Protein backbone atom coordinates (compact mmCIF):
# COMPACT_ATOMS: atom_id res chain seq x y z
CA MET A 1 -41.37 -105.20 -233.58
CA ARG A 2 -44.50 -106.60 -231.97
CA ARG A 3 -44.08 -104.37 -228.92
CA ILE A 4 -43.75 -101.31 -231.16
CA ASP A 5 -47.07 -102.19 -232.80
CA GLU A 6 -48.70 -102.64 -229.40
CA LEU A 7 -47.36 -99.30 -228.17
CA THR A 8 -48.45 -97.55 -231.36
CA ALA A 9 -51.97 -98.92 -231.01
CA GLU A 10 -52.15 -97.92 -227.34
CA ILE A 11 -50.77 -94.43 -228.04
CA ASN A 12 -53.32 -93.93 -230.82
CA GLU A 13 -56.17 -95.17 -228.63
CA SER A 14 -55.10 -92.94 -225.73
CA THR A 15 -54.74 -89.95 -228.02
CA LEU A 16 -58.27 -90.44 -229.34
CA GLU A 17 -59.56 -90.72 -225.78
CA LEU A 18 -57.70 -87.53 -224.88
CA GLN A 19 -59.31 -85.68 -227.79
CA ARG A 20 -62.74 -86.94 -226.75
CA ILE A 21 -62.14 -85.66 -223.22
CA LYS A 22 -60.97 -82.27 -224.51
CA ASP A 23 -64.10 -81.97 -226.68
CA GLN A 24 -66.32 -82.89 -223.75
CA MET A 25 -64.53 -80.39 -221.50
CA SER A 26 -65.00 -77.67 -224.11
CA ARG A 27 -68.75 -78.31 -224.29
CA GLN A 28 -68.99 -78.34 -220.51
CA PHE A 29 -66.99 -75.13 -220.21
CA LYS A 30 -69.37 -73.32 -222.56
CA GLU A 31 -72.34 -74.39 -220.47
CA ILE A 32 -70.55 -73.51 -217.22
CA TRP A 33 -69.70 -70.10 -218.65
CA LYS A 34 -73.35 -69.39 -219.51
CA LEU A 35 -74.50 -70.40 -216.03
CA GLN A 36 -71.67 -68.40 -214.42
CA CYS A 37 -72.71 -65.30 -216.37
CA LYS A 38 -76.31 -65.71 -215.19
CA LYS A 39 -75.07 -66.18 -211.62
CA ASP A 40 -72.83 -63.10 -211.78
CA MET A 41 -75.67 -60.95 -213.17
CA GLY A 42 -77.98 -62.06 -210.39
CA HIS A 43 -80.35 -63.89 -212.73
CA ASP A 44 -82.00 -67.19 -211.92
CA TYR A 45 -79.88 -70.19 -212.84
CA ASP A 46 -79.92 -73.93 -212.14
CA ASN A 47 -77.52 -74.19 -209.21
CA ASP A 48 -77.69 -78.00 -209.12
CA ARG A 49 -76.77 -78.17 -212.81
CA TYR A 50 -73.94 -75.68 -212.26
CA GLU A 51 -72.49 -77.65 -209.33
CA SER A 52 -72.81 -80.91 -211.24
CA LEU A 53 -71.02 -79.45 -214.27
CA MET A 54 -68.22 -78.05 -212.10
CA TYR A 55 -67.73 -81.41 -210.39
CA ASN A 56 -67.72 -83.32 -213.68
CA HIS A 57 -65.37 -80.79 -215.23
CA LYS A 58 -62.87 -81.28 -212.41
CA LEU A 59 -63.10 -85.05 -212.84
CA LEU A 60 -62.39 -84.70 -216.54
CA GLN A 61 -59.42 -82.45 -215.79
CA MET A 62 -57.96 -85.13 -213.55
CA LYS A 63 -58.62 -87.83 -216.14
CA ARG A 64 -57.02 -85.63 -218.83
CA ARG A 65 -53.88 -85.12 -216.73
CA GLN A 66 -53.68 -88.85 -216.03
CA LEU A 67 -54.05 -89.66 -219.72
CA ILE A 68 -51.36 -87.15 -220.71
CA THR A 69 -48.98 -88.74 -218.20
CA HIS A 70 -49.82 -92.18 -219.59
CA ILE A 71 -49.22 -91.05 -223.18
CA ASN A 72 -45.89 -89.49 -222.20
CA TYR A 73 -44.86 -92.76 -220.57
CA LEU A 74 -45.86 -94.74 -223.66
CA ASN A 75 -43.95 -92.36 -225.92
CA LYS A 76 -40.86 -92.67 -223.74
CA GLU A 77 -41.06 -96.46 -223.84
CA PHE A 78 -41.62 -96.36 -227.61
CA PHE A 79 -38.51 -94.26 -228.24
CA GLU A 80 -36.40 -96.36 -225.88
CA ILE A 81 -37.25 -99.41 -227.98
CA LEU A 82 -36.34 -97.58 -231.18
CA VAL A 83 -32.93 -96.55 -229.88
């Protein structure tokens, strides 16, 4: 029973972290989109900011994938204990 409680706490914590990452990615995407539109129209835009956002967005994508894999593993372990 103790292990189930530990897994539940870890799953909940990881799920909250995943939601935080998704929210952050959404905010970044909106800013990237604005800069991309300026770039495509030939207007002046902050290239350093654009590159930095793209790099950070890719890092968050990797972290998100890693977290999803971790949550799936925890869920599998949780259900194996229940059965």
